[in-house]
Amino acid sequence: MSWYGGGFAPYVSVAERRRKAAKEVGKLKKKGEVLKPIVLSGRTIANTFWGKAWCNNLESYSDYSNRLPRGRTYVRNGSVLDLKVANGEITALVSGSSIYKVKIIIAKVVINKWNKIVKECAGKIDSLIELLQGKFSKAVMEIITHPEKGLFPHPKEIKLSCSCPDWADMCKHVAAVLYGVGARLDDKPEELFMLRQADHIELIANADTTSLTKSTANQNDQILEGGDLSSLFGIDMGNVSKKERASKKTGNKRLSITGKKIKPKEKVKRKMTSANKNSKKKLRR
């Protein structure tokens, strides 16, 4: 039981909570509400890097330690009927002795802190898929999850509210929602960046720019060393025939459209001159 203002709240069994929840969900759906419940496949709340990192960050603060266990129980029992994430905001419906509305405000990540994260991660994350799946080096994990310099919010950056009569800011309903966010990040890790109002594409864009600069530098080196202009102008010169290479080496032999060799102008002129002389001799005779 939880202590409310006038005493302990009456105990409500899990079965009774679920019955009430189903009834309330039916009413909301009839009104056209689209609900996004937290449904776990087992007792494990989070399985991926992002979900686990969120829950670990949550449990690292002593401010929340007394209320978190009840929250874990609630989220495992399917009590989080709806959880929506927007820029810097979480709204949810949680089933208890009644249906309670939870709202959590999370402060935007400080710009200087975010810029440092982007800078430190530059060139270390190769793709958007790699980022969202949490498949990157230990160095990047340490940057993102750093207690002071990382992306996850501190208690002072989180404002909690619930419509239940519990006097504590961190009631079990709020705790259930916070754990629910960890479960949600398993499927939609981009919502963490939405909460902190940071553009996760910047991490990839920075990486792409870095790798592109390196790639361009390497190509320029190859161009200067090998004299191959094809990469500079984007022309595919890979399939050069033996005849074409031979023509490049000789320099004085050219190919016509039909592929026949064209003789240099000087030789043509000499032949024309000799032909003219022969014709003049014939005329004299």
Protein backbone atom coordinates (compact mmCIF):
# COMPACT_ATOMS: atom_id res chain seq x y z
CA MET A 1 0.00 0.00 0.00
CA SER A 2 1.03 3.61 -0.53
CA TRP A 3 0.67 6.39 2.00
CA TYR A 4 -1.58 9.15 0.75
CA GLY A 5 -2.55 12.35 2.51
CA GLY A 6 -5.35 10.83 4.62
CA GLY A 7 -3.75 7.42 5.23
CA PHE A 8 -2.98 4.26 3.31
CA ALA A 9 -4.80 3.69 0.04
CA PRO A 10 -6.85 0.52 -0.18
CA TYR A 11 -5.13 -2.44 -1.84
CA VAL A 12 -6.27 -3.22 -5.36
CA SER A 13 -5.28 -6.58 -6.85
CA VAL A 14 -3.54 -6.86 -10.20
CA ALA A 15 -6.60 -8.59 -11.68
CA GLU A 16 -8.89 -5.78 -10.52
CA ARG A 17 -6.52 -3.15 -11.89
CA ARG A 18 -6.46 -4.90 -15.24
CA ARG A 19 -10.24 -5.11 -15.33
CA LYS A 20 -10.55 -1.38 -14.64
CA ALA A 21 -7.82 -0.63 -17.13
CA ALA A 22 -9.51 -2.62 -19.90
CA LYS A 23 -12.76 -0.78 -19.24
CA GLU A 24 -11.06 2.62 -19.37
CA VAL A 25 -9.11 1.70 -22.51
CA GLY A 26 -12.37 0.71 -24.21
CA LYS A 27 -13.88 4.10 -23.40
CA LEU A 28 -10.85 5.98 -24.74
CA LYS A 29 -10.78 3.98 -27.97
CA LYS A 30 -14.45 4.76 -28.57
CA LYS A 31 -13.51 8.44 -28.34
CA GLY A 32 -10.90 7.91 -31.06
CA GLU A 33 -7.86 7.93 -28.77
CA VAL A 34 -4.80 6.09 -30.09
CA LEU A 35 -3.04 4.44 -27.15
CA LYS A 36 0.57 3.28 -27.05
CA PRO A 37 0.85 0.88 -24.12
CA ILE A 38 4.04 -0.63 -22.74
CA VAL A 39 3.87 -4.38 -23.19
CA LEU A 40 6.79 -6.53 -22.04
CA SER A 41 7.40 -10.03 -23.35
CA GLY A 42 8.83 -11.15 -19.99
CA ARG A 43 10.19 -9.69 -16.78
CA THR A 44 13.08 -7.95 -18.52
CA ILE A 45 12.24 -4.28 -19.02
CA ALA A 46 14.95 -3.34 -21.53
CA ASN A 47 17.13 -5.43 -23.82
CA THR A 48 19.06 -3.01 -26.05
CA PHE A 49 21.87 -0.59 -25.33
CA TRP A 50 19.57 2.46 -25.29
CA GLY A 51 16.90 0.90 -23.07
CA LYS A 52 19.42 -0.51 -20.59
CA ALA A 53 21.40 2.74 -20.51
CA TRP A 54 18.22 4.70 -19.69
CA CYS A 55 17.28 2.33 -16.84
CA ASN A 56 20.84 2.27 -15.49
CA ASN A 57 20.92 6.06 -15.48
CA LEU A 58 17.57 6.12 -13.68
CA GLU A 59 18.77 3.72 -10.99
CA SER A 60 22.06 5.56 -10.46
CA TYR A 61 20.36 8.45 -8.62
CA SER A 62 19.62 7.98 -4.94
CA ASP A 63 16.73 10.47 -5.20
CA TYR A 64 14.66 7.76 -6.87
CA SER A 65 15.87 4.63 -5.10
CA ASN A 66 12.92 4.24 -2.67
CA ARG A 67 10.20 4.45 -5.33
CA LEU A 68 11.69 2.63 -8.28
CA PRO A 69 10.98 -0.96 -7.16
CA ARG A 70 7.19 -0.36 -7.17
CA GLY A 71 7.50 1.25 -10.57
CA ARG A 72 9.24 -1.85 -11.94
CA THR A 73 6.38 -4.00 -10.63
CA TYR A 74 3.77 -1.76 -12.24
CA VAL A 75 5.41 -1.69 -15.67
CA ARG A 76 5.88 -5.48 -15.61
CA ASN A 77 2.20 -5.93 -14.79
CA GLY A 78 1.17 -3.96 -17.86
CA SER A 79 -0.08 -0.99 -15.86
CA VAL A 80 1.29 1.62 -18.28
CA LEU A 81 -1.70 1.86 -20.62
CA ASP A 82 -0.38 4.66 -22.76
CA LEU A 83 3.00 6.34 -23.14
CA LYS A 84 3.71 9.11 -25.63
CA VAL A 85 6.97 10.96 -26.17
CA ALA A 86 7.25 14.46 -27.62
CA ASN A 87 9.93 17.14 -27.59
CA GLY A 88 11.02 17.36 -23.95
CA GLU A 89 7.82 15.75 -22.67
CA ILE A 90 6.36 12.37 -21.68
CA THR A 91 2.64 11.89 -21.13
CA ALA A 92 1.15 8.63 -19.90
CA LEU A 93 -1.84 6.83 -18.40
CA VAL A 94 -1.14 4.40 -15.58
CA SER A 95 -3.57 1.95 -14.04
CA GLY A 96 -3.66 1.85 -10.22
CA SER A 97 -6.59 2.00 -7.83
CA SER A 98 -7.82 4.34 -10.56
CA ILE A 99 -6.46 5.56 -13.92
CA TYR A 100 -3.87 8.28 -13.33
CA LYS A 101 -2.38 10.82 -15.69
CA VAL A 102 1.38 11.24 -15.57
CA LYS A 103 3.35 14.08 -17.12
CA ILE A 104 7.13 14.34 -17.12
CA ILE A 105 9.08 17.32 -18.43
CA ILE A 106 12.71 16.79 -19.39
CA ALA A 107 14.98 19.77 -19.99
CA LYS A 108 16.67 20.29 -23.33
CA VAL A 109 20.29 19.19 -23.36
CA VAL A 110 22.61 22.16 -22.91
CA ILE A 111 23.93 23.27 -26.31
CA ASN A 112 27.58 23.31 -25.23
CA LYS A 113 27.25 19.79 -23.84
CA TRP A 114 25.60 18.53 -27.03
CA ASN A 115 28.25 20.15 -29.23
CA LYS A 116 30.97 18.42 -27.20
CA ILE A 117 29.19 15.06 -27.59
CA VAL A 118 28.95 15.58 -31.35
CA LYS A 119 32.61 16.59 -31.54
CA GLU A 120 33.84 13.66 -29.45
CA CYS A 121 31.77 11.19 -31.48
CA ALA A 122 32.94 12.59 -34.82
CA GLY A 123 34.05 9.81 -37.15
CA LYS A 124 33.22 7.09 -34.62
CA ILE A 125 29.65 6.31 -35.76
CA ASP A 126 29.43 5.03 -39.34
CA SER A 127 25.68 4.95 -40.01
CA LEU A 128 22.21 5.79 -38.71
CA ILE A 129 21.46 2.07 -38.29
CA GLU A 130 24.58 1.64 -36.20
CA LEU A 131 23.58 4.59 -34.03
CA LEU A 132 19.99 3.49 -33.41
CA GLN A 133 20.95 -0.13 -32.80
CA GLY A 134 23.60 0.98 -30.32
CA LYS A 135 26.26 -0.95 -32.21
CA PHE A 136 29.31 1.19 -31.72
CA SER A 137 32.57 1.24 -29.82
CA LYS A 138 32.99 1.32 -26.06
CA ALA A 139 34.47 4.81 -26.43
CA VAL A 140 31.21 6.14 -27.93
CA MET A 141 29.16 4.40 -25.21
CA GLU A 142 31.24 6.08 -22.54
CA ILE A 143 30.76 9.48 -24.17
CA ILE A 144 26.97 9.13 -24.43
CA THR A 145 26.40 7.59 -20.98
CA HIS A 146 28.87 9.74 -19.01
CA PRO A 147 27.15 10.78 -15.72
CA GLU A 148 28.03 14.45 -16.12
CA LYS A 149 28.86 15.00 -19.78
CA GLY A 150 26.54 12.45 -21.40
CA LEU A 151 23.12 12.63 -23.01
CA PHE A 152 20.92 11.21 -20.24
CA PRO A 153 19.13 13.68 -17.94
CA HIS A 154 19.92 14.35 -14.28
CA PRO A 155 17.14 14.47 -11.63
CA LYS A 156 17.36 18.27 -11.57
CA GLU A 157 16.53 18.27 -15.29
CA ILE A 158 13.35 16.22 -14.77
CA LYS A 159 10.01 17.58 -13.52
CA LEU A 160 7.49 14.95 -12.40
CA SER A 161 3.73 15.14 -11.92
CA CYS A 162 0.93 12.62 -11.42
CA SER A 163 -2.80 12.97 -10.78
CA CYS A 164 -2.70 10.41 -7.95
CA PRO A 165 -3.03 11.61 -4.32
CA ASP A 166 0.49 10.46 -3.37
CA TRP A 167 2.42 13.33 -1.82
CA ALA A 168 5.78 12.31 -3.33
CA ASP A 169 6.84 13.61 -6.75
CA MET A 170 8.27 10.20 -7.58
CA CYS A 171 5.23 8.03 -7.01
CA LYS A 172 5.03 4.44 -8.27
CA HIS A 173 3.04 5.59 -11.31
CA VAL A 174 5.74 8.04 -12.35
CA ALA A 175 8.39 5.38 -11.70
CA ALA A 176 6.48 2.94 -13.91
CA VAL A 177 6.41 5.51 -16.72
CA LEU A 178 10.14 6.18 -16.44
CA TYR A 179 10.83 2.46 -16.73
CA GLY A 180 8.34 2.36 -19.57
CA VAL A 181 10.53 4.86 -21.43
CA GLY A 182 13.42 2.41 -21.13
CA ALA A 183 11.26 -0.31 -22.70
CA ARG A 184 10.15 2.08 -25.45
CA LEU A 185 13.75 2.97 -26.32
CA ASP A 186 14.29 -0.68 -27.25
CA ASP A 187 12.03 -0.12 -30.26
CA LYS A 188 12.38 3.64 -30.79
CA PRO A 189 15.79 4.85 -29.57
CA GLU A 190 15.36 8.09 -31.51
CA GLU A 191 12.83 9.16 -28.87
CA LEU A 192 15.68 9.75 -26.41
CA PHE A 193 17.01 12.48 -28.73
CA MET A 194 13.47 13.82 -29.02
CA LEU A 195 13.25 14.08 -25.23
CA ARG A 196 16.56 15.93 -25.05
CA GLN A 197 15.61 18.00 -28.12
CA ALA A 198 18.82 17.08 -29.93
CA ASP A 199 19.14 16.07 -33.57
CA HIS A 200 20.73 12.61 -33.67
CA ILE A 201 21.39 13.06 -37.40
CA GLU A 202 24.14 15.52 -36.43
CA LEU A 203 26.15 12.61 -35.06
CA ILE A 204 25.92 10.85 -38.42
CA ALA A 205 26.38 14.00 -40.51
CA ASN A 206 29.54 14.81 -38.60
CA ALA A 207 30.81 11.29 -39.08
CA ASP A 208 30.02 11.37 -42.80
CA THR A 209 31.77 14.71 -43.20
CA THR A 210 34.85 13.43 -41.42
CA SER A 211 35.01 10.22 -43.45
CA LEU A 212 34.32 12.13 -46.69
CA THR A 213 37.17 14.53 -45.96
CA LYS A 214 39.54 11.64 -45.33
CA SER A 215 38.35 9.84 -48.46
CA THR A 216 38.75 12.97 -50.58
CA ALA A 217 42.26 13.52 -49.21
CA ASN A 218 43.22 9.97 -50.11
CA GLN A 219 41.80 10.37 -53.61
CA ASN A 220 43.71 13.62 -54.08
CA ASP A 221 46.93 11.86 -53.06
CA GLN A 222 46.26 9.14 -55.62
CA ILE A 223 45.58 11.75 -58.30
CA LEU A 224 48.83 13.60 -57.62
CA GLU A 225 50.88 10.44 -57.45
CA GLY A 226 49.30 8.51 -60.33
CA GLY A 227 48.15 11.34 -62.55
CA ASP A 228 44.73 9.68 -62.90
CA LEU A 229 42.12 12.41 -63.47
CA SER A 230 39.17 10.02 -63.68
CA SER A 231 38.41 10.15 -59.95
CA LEU A 232 38.64 13.94 -59.93
CA PHE A 233 36.02 14.39 -62.66
CA GLY A 234 33.92 11.32 -61.89
CA ILE A 235 34.70 9.66 -65.22
CA ASP A 236 34.95 5.89 -65.23
CA MET A 237 38.28 5.07 -66.83
CA GLY A 238 38.59 1.60 -65.33
CA ASN A 239 37.96 -0.37 -68.56
CA VAL A 240 40.64 1.07 -70.82
CA SER A 241 41.47 -1.18 -73.78
CA LYS A 242 44.99 -2.17 -74.82
CA LYS A 243 44.61 -0.23 -78.08
CA GLU A 244 43.68 2.94 -76.19
CA ARG A 245 46.65 2.54 -73.83
CA ALA A 246 48.93 2.01 -76.83
CA SER A 247 47.59 5.18 -78.46
CA LYS A 248 48.31 7.14 -75.27
CA LYS A 249 51.92 5.92 -75.29
CA THR A 250 52.67 6.69 -78.96
CA GLY A 251 50.89 10.04 -78.89
CA ASN A 252 51.13 10.54 -82.69
CA LYS A 253 48.57 7.92 -83.74
CA ARG A 254 44.88 8.73 -83.63
CA LEU A 255 41.79 6.59 -84.10
CA SER A 256 38.87 7.54 -86.34
CA ILE A 257 35.24 6.78 -85.49
CA THR A 258 35.53 3.51 -87.44
CA GLY A 259 38.62 2.50 -85.51
CA LYS A 260 41.07 2.94 -88.47
CA LYS A 261 44.34 4.75 -87.95
CA ILE A 262 44.59 8.26 -89.38
CA LYS A 263 47.99 9.22 -90.71
CA PRO A 264 49.58 12.45 -89.53
CA LYS A 265 49.05 15.59 -91.62
CA GLU A 266 52.73 15.87 -92.57
CA LYS A 267 52.77 12.48 -94.29
CA VAL A 268 49.56 13.30 -96.13
CA LYS A 269 51.04 16.61 -97.37
CA ARG A 270 54.20 14.85 -98.62
CA LYS A 271 52.17 12.32 -100.60
CA MET A 272 50.04 15.09 -102.07
CA THR A 273 53.22 16.98 -103.11
CA SER A 274 54.78 13.93 -104.78
CA ALA A 275 51.50 13.20 -106.55
CA ASN A 276 51.38 16.78 -107.91
CA LYS A 277 54.94 16.49 -109.22
CA ASN A 278 54.16 13.26 -111.08
CA SER A 279 51.09 14.82 -112.69
CA LYS A 280 53.13 17.84 -113.88
CA LYS A 281 55.73 15.55 -115.54
CA LYS A 282 52.98 13.73 -117.40
CA LEU A 283 51.61 17.03 -118.70
CA ARG A 284 55.03 18.13 -120.02
CA ARG A 285 55.39 14.91 -121.94
